[in-house]
Protein backbone atom coordinates (compact mmCIF):
# COMPACT_ATOMS: atom_id res chain seq x y z
CA MET A 1 19.10 1.91 10.91
CA GLN A 2 19.55 0.83 7.30
CA ILE A 3 17.15 -1.45 5.44
CA ARG A 4 17.85 -3.42 2.27
CA VAL A 5 14.78 -3.54 0.03
CA GLY A 6 14.20 -5.04 -3.37
CA TYR A 7 12.33 -7.42 -5.61
CA GLU A 8 12.69 -9.81 -8.52
CA LEU A 9 9.79 -10.34 -10.92
CA ILE A 10 10.02 -12.74 -13.85
CA TYR A 11 7.37 -12.49 -16.56
CA ASP A 12 6.91 -14.72 -19.58
CA CYS A 13 5.31 -12.82 -22.46
CA LEU A 14 3.79 -14.42 -25.54
CA GLN A 15 4.51 -11.31 -27.62
CA PRO A 16 6.07 -7.85 -27.12
CA THR A 17 4.04 -6.48 -24.21
CA PRO A 18 3.79 -2.87 -22.99
CA MET A 19 3.95 -2.55 -19.21
CA ILE A 20 3.53 0.25 -16.67
CA LEU A 21 5.49 -0.49 -13.49
CA THR A 22 4.93 1.28 -10.15
CA LEU A 23 7.85 -0.15 -8.23
CA GLN A 24 10.18 2.63 -7.14
CA ILE A 25 10.49 4.23 -3.72
CA HIS A 26 8.22 7.24 -3.22
CA PHE A 27 9.79 10.69 -3.67
CA THR A 28 9.11 11.51 0.00
CA ARG A 29 11.86 9.02 0.93
CA VAL A 30 14.45 10.15 -1.63
CA SER A 31 16.69 11.75 0.99
CA ASP A 32 16.82 8.40 2.82
CA ILE A 33 18.07 6.38 -0.17
CA ILE A 34 21.66 5.19 0.26
CA VAL A 35 21.82 2.67 -2.61
CA PRO A 36 19.38 3.76 -5.38
CA ASP A 37 16.52 1.49 -6.39
CA HIS A 38 17.31 1.57 -10.11
CA LEU A 39 14.93 -0.63 -12.09
CA VAL A 40 16.96 -3.29 -13.93
CA THR A 41 15.63 -5.45 -16.76
CA SER A 42 17.16 -8.58 -18.22
CA PRO A 43 17.30 -8.68 -21.18
CA SER A 44 18.05 -4.97 -21.20
CA THR A 45 14.95 -3.01 -22.26
CA PRO A 46 14.46 0.75 -22.84
CA ILE A 47 12.71 2.46 -19.93
CA THR A 48 10.86 5.76 -19.84
CA ALA A 49 9.25 7.25 -16.74
CA TYR A 50 6.64 9.75 -15.61
CA ARG A 51 4.78 10.90 -12.50
CA ASP A 52 1.12 9.96 -12.28
CA ALA A 53 -1.69 12.15 -10.93
CA PHE A 54 -0.86 11.14 -7.35
CA GLY A 55 2.87 11.91 -7.64
CA ASN A 56 3.96 8.26 -7.92
CA TRP A 57 6.94 7.42 -10.14
CA CYS A 58 5.92 5.05 -12.94
CA SER A 59 8.15 3.30 -15.49
CA ARG A 60 7.15 2.23 -19.00
CA ILE A 61 8.70 -0.66 -20.91
CA VAL A 62 7.83 -2.94 -23.77
CA ALA A 63 8.75 -6.39 -22.54
CA PRO A 64 10.08 -8.60 -25.36
CA GLU A 65 8.60 -11.96 -26.28
CA GLY A 66 9.77 -14.61 -23.82
CA GLU A 67 11.08 -14.17 -20.28
CA ILE A 68 12.02 -10.84 -18.75
CA ARG A 69 13.49 -10.31 -15.29
CA ILE A 70 12.64 -7.01 -13.55
CA SER A 71 14.51 -6.28 -10.35
CA THR A 72 16.08 -3.81 -7.96
CA ASP A 73 18.22 -3.99 -4.83
CA ALA A 74 18.42 -0.84 -2.73
CA VAL A 75 19.35 0.37 0.75
CA VAL A 76 17.30 2.95 2.65
CA ARG A 77 18.04 4.84 5.85
CA ASP A 78 15.24 4.64 8.44
CA THR A 79 14.72 6.18 11.86
CA GLY A 80 13.95 2.80 13.39
CA GLU A 81 10.97 4.40 15.12
CA PRO A 82 7.52 2.79 14.99
CA ASP A 83 4.54 4.43 13.32
CA VAL A 84 3.46 7.68 14.98
CA VAL A 85 0.61 7.60 17.50
CA ALA A 86 -1.38 10.83 17.97
CA ASP A 87 -4.36 10.07 20.19
CA SER A 88 -5.39 13.73 20.25
CA ALA A 89 -5.52 14.14 16.43
CA TYR A 90 -8.93 15.59 15.69
CA GLN A 91 -11.40 15.00 12.88
CA HIS A 92 -12.02 17.91 10.52
CA GLN A 93 -15.45 19.07 9.49
CA VAL A 94 -15.87 18.31 5.80
CA GLN A 95 -16.23 22.00 4.97
CA ASP A 96 -12.85 22.67 6.60
CA LEU A 97 -10.87 20.01 4.76
CA PRO A 98 -8.17 21.07 2.27
CA GLU A 99 -9.29 20.62 -1.32
CA GLU A 100 -6.56 18.07 -2.08
CA THR A 101 -8.02 15.67 0.53
CA LEU A 102 -11.57 15.65 -0.85
CA VAL A 103 -10.94 12.98 -3.50
CA PHE A 104 -10.08 10.62 -0.63
CA LEU A 105 -13.60 10.99 0.78
CA LEU A 106 -15.20 9.58 -2.36
CA GLY A 107 -16.00 6.04 -3.42
CA SER A 108 -13.55 4.34 -5.78
CA ARG A 109 -13.02 1.08 -7.69
CA TYR A 110 -12.48 -1.10 -4.61
CA CYS A 111 -13.99 1.14 -1.92
CA GLU A 112 -17.76 1.29 -2.37
CA THR A 113 -18.86 3.94 0.11
CA ASP A 114 -22.40 3.75 -1.21
CA LEU A 115 -22.72 0.08 -0.25
CA LEU A 116 -21.10 0.35 3.20
CA SER A 117 -22.27 3.73 4.49
CA GLU A 118 -25.15 2.34 6.54
CA ALA A 119 -22.98 -0.38 8.08
CA ALA A 120 -20.26 2.16 8.89
CA TRP A 121 -22.63 4.48 10.73
CA ASP A 122 -24.21 1.57 12.60
CA LEU A 123 -20.77 0.37 13.70
CA PHE A 124 -18.87 3.58 14.41
CA ASN A 125 -21.30 6.43 15.01
CA LYS A 126 -20.85 6.14 18.80
CA SER A 127 -17.06 5.83 18.72
CA PRO A 128 -14.92 8.88 19.57
CA THR A 129 -14.24 11.14 16.63
CA GLY A 130 -10.76 11.70 15.21
CA TRP A 131 -7.97 9.27 16.05
CA GLY A 132 -10.23 7.14 18.25
CA ARG A 133 -12.68 6.56 15.41
CA VAL A 134 -10.00 5.49 12.92
CA GLN A 135 -8.52 3.17 15.53
CA ALA A 136 -11.97 1.71 16.23
CA ILE A 137 -12.31 1.04 12.50
CA CYS A 138 -8.91 -0.69 12.43
CA ASP A 139 -9.80 -2.77 15.49
CA PHE A 140 -13.04 -3.92 13.87
CA VAL A 141 -11.51 -4.73 10.48
CA HIS A 142 -8.60 -6.54 12.10
CA GLN A 143 -11.02 -8.78 13.98
CA HIS A 144 -13.60 -9.13 11.22
CA ILE A 145 -11.31 -10.35 8.43
CA THR A 146 -9.34 -13.58 8.66
CA PHE A 147 -6.09 -13.50 6.69
CA ASN A 148 -6.19 -16.11 3.94
CA TYR A 149 -4.03 -16.08 0.80
CA GLU A 150 -6.10 -18.91 -0.70
CA ARG A 151 -9.25 -16.78 -0.61
CA ALA A 152 -7.55 -13.75 -2.18
CA ARG A 153 -8.49 -12.46 -5.61
CA ALA A 154 -7.58 -9.34 -7.52
CA THR A 155 -11.20 -8.29 -8.02
CA LYS A 156 -12.32 -8.42 -4.37
CA THR A 157 -13.85 -5.15 -3.18
CA ALA A 158 -14.32 -3.73 0.31
CA SER A 159 -17.99 -4.77 0.45
CA GLU A 160 -17.08 -8.31 -0.63
CA ALA A 161 -14.34 -8.50 2.00
CA PHE A 162 -16.88 -7.32 4.58
CA ASP A 163 -19.40 -9.96 3.51
CA GLU A 164 -16.89 -12.82 3.16
CA GLY A 165 -14.75 -12.05 6.22
CA THR A 166 -11.51 -13.22 4.58
CA GLY A 167 -8.74 -11.58 2.61
CA VAL A 168 -5.17 -10.30 2.45
CA CYS A 169 -3.62 -6.98 3.42
CA ARG A 170 -5.18 -5.08 0.52
CA ASP A 171 -8.65 -6.26 1.59
CA TYR A 172 -8.13 -5.11 5.19
CA THR A 173 -6.93 -1.79 3.81
CA HIS A 174 -9.81 -1.33 1.37
CA LEU A 175 -12.41 -2.05 4.03
CA ALA A 176 -10.82 0.30 6.58
CA ILE A 177 -10.48 3.07 3.98
CA THR A 178 -14.11 2.67 2.97
CA PHE A 179 -15.35 2.87 6.56
CA CYS A 180 -13.22 5.99 7.14
CA ARG A 181 -14.63 7.69 4.06
CA CYS A 182 -18.17 6.76 5.07
CA MET A 183 -17.46 8.51 8.41
CA ASN A 184 -16.20 11.64 6.58
CA ILE A 185 -12.50 10.98 7.24
CA PRO A 186 -10.23 11.21 4.17
CA ALA A 187 -8.26 7.99 3.70
CA ARG A 188 -5.79 6.97 1.01
CA TYR A 189 -4.27 3.64 0.01
CA CYS A 190 -0.53 3.03 0.41
CA THR A 191 1.70 0.28 -0.90
CA GLY A 192 5.35 -0.41 -0.19
CA TYR A 193 7.84 -2.50 1.71
CA LEU A 194 7.16 -3.52 5.32
CA SER A 195 9.88 -5.27 7.27
CA ASP A 196 9.53 -7.84 10.05
CA ILE A 197 11.90 -5.78 12.22
CA GLY A 198 10.84 -6.10 15.84
CA ILE A 199 8.31 -8.82 15.09
CA PRO A 200 8.99 -12.22 16.67
CA PRO A 201 9.22 -15.24 14.33
CA PRO A 202 7.89 -17.17 12.60
CA HIS A 203 7.64 -14.71 9.72
CA GLY A 204 5.51 -15.30 6.64
CA PRO A 205 6.80 -15.04 3.09
CA MET A 206 7.77 -11.47 2.21
CA ASP A 207 5.48 -9.51 -0.11
CA PHE A 208 4.68 -5.92 -0.88
CA ALA A 209 2.38 -4.58 1.84
CA ALA A 210 -0.72 -2.41 1.88
CA TRP A 211 -1.69 0.07 4.59
CA PHE A 212 -3.50 3.42 4.63
CA GLU A 213 -3.21 7.01 5.75
CA ALA A 214 -6.02 9.02 7.34
CA TYR A 215 -6.17 12.80 7.39
CA LEU A 216 -6.57 14.04 10.97
CA GLY A 217 -5.46 17.17 12.77
CA GLY A 218 -4.01 18.80 9.66
CA ARG A 219 -1.79 15.94 8.47
CA TRP A 220 -1.78 12.35 7.23
CA TYR A 221 -1.18 9.51 9.73
CA THR A 222 -0.35 5.87 9.02
CA PHE A 223 -2.75 3.10 10.04
CA ASP A 224 -2.53 -0.64 9.39
CA ALA A 225 -5.72 -2.64 9.82
CA ARG A 226 -4.01 -5.90 8.79
CA ASN A 227 -1.38 -5.87 11.53
CA ASN A 228 -3.05 -3.34 13.85
CA VAL A 229 0.19 -2.61 15.70
CA ARG A 230 2.72 0.16 15.18
CA ARG A 231 5.47 -1.18 12.94
CA VAL A 232 9.08 -0.25 12.16
CA GLY A 233 10.59 0.10 8.70
CA ARG A 234 7.80 1.02 6.31
CA VAL A 235 9.16 2.17 2.95
CA LEU A 236 6.47 3.79 0.83
CA ILE A 237 6.28 3.13 -2.91
CA ALA A 238 2.97 4.67 -3.95
CA ARG A 239 -0.30 6.23 -2.81
CA GLY A 240 -3.72 6.40 -4.42
CA ARG A 241 -7.45 6.05 -3.93
CA ASP A 242 -7.21 2.25 -3.77
CA ALA A 243 -5.20 -0.63 -5.25
CA ALA A 244 -6.39 0.19 -8.77
CA ASP A 245 -4.24 3.33 -8.69
CA VAL A 246 -1.02 1.65 -7.50
CA PRO A 247 -0.62 -1.86 -8.98
CA ILE A 248 2.99 -3.05 -9.18
CA SER A 249 2.38 -3.59 -12.89
CA ASN A 250 -0.19 -2.95 -15.56
CA THR A 251 0.42 -5.27 -18.52
CA PHE A 252 -1.12 -4.85 -21.96
CA GLY A 253 -0.87 -8.32 -23.48
CA PRO A 254 -0.87 -12.02 -22.53
CA ASN A 255 1.77 -12.94 -19.95
CA THR A 256 2.51 -15.15 -16.97
CA LEU A 257 4.18 -14.00 -13.75
CA LYS A 258 6.56 -16.96 -13.28
CA SER A 259 8.44 -15.77 -10.20
CA PHE A 260 7.84 -13.14 -7.53
CA LYS A 261 10.30 -12.29 -4.74
CA VAL A 262 10.44 -9.34 -2.34
CA TRP A 263 12.97 -8.65 0.42
CA THR A 264 13.07 -6.14 3.29
CA ASP A 265 15.90 -6.79 5.74
CA GLU A 266 17.78 -4.77 8.30
CA VAL A 267 21.41 -4.26 7.28
CA ASN A 268 23.98 -5.36 9.85
CA GLY A 269 26.61 -2.64 9.65
CA ASP A 270 26.42 0.53 7.60
CA VAL A 271 26.51 0.29 3.83
CA ALA A 272 27.66 3.91 3.59
């Protein structure tokens, strides 16, 4: 299948404002891109780019004073298959983990392993190891947190989401990641597009989505504590330790986000 993905962000800046934007499709999906997701600014603004420490593609601009529109409109090829299930995927001993996974065992800005370790072991010590343990974590988080945009805030951490019992997809993801790390399972934060393909209506307003990957059986597998079902049409943008590593934008000056639109739709008929 083919999926049209894109966004339109309109900022109003009080002065020329440097920005770092993490908005382009992850390099692991480059071979699937049919219509490129070129970042377009209006008014036209010089753009430079670099890869961060996690391999994500980041763009740098200096937004002019006043309004700036940042957008893209791309088409991606997708298998149409739901997320992989691997019930037999085993949990590695910490001493056997590859070095590049170890950073995803540690606490981070939004994932306070030190505060939630005791709760994690109380909740999941008796669950099966490996895939079964990660799924038990997702089941718990999915039930424990009530989705609520009105109770969302950019500073909410995993321990606060656990205590408050409300949040949005990033809060589900942070809490599940933290529990995994407490149980010695590497887990990393993912952000990207997630379609409603195969999901019966009514559908909520489209947004960028958060999910996570856990390292089991020698590879990374996708898990989604917010939805807790295997989904079709994920398009990865970025990975990191938590949301602090992969914000859609870092802005260095006063500004207002006046408009925010995201789309992820199946294309009827091939584009190419």
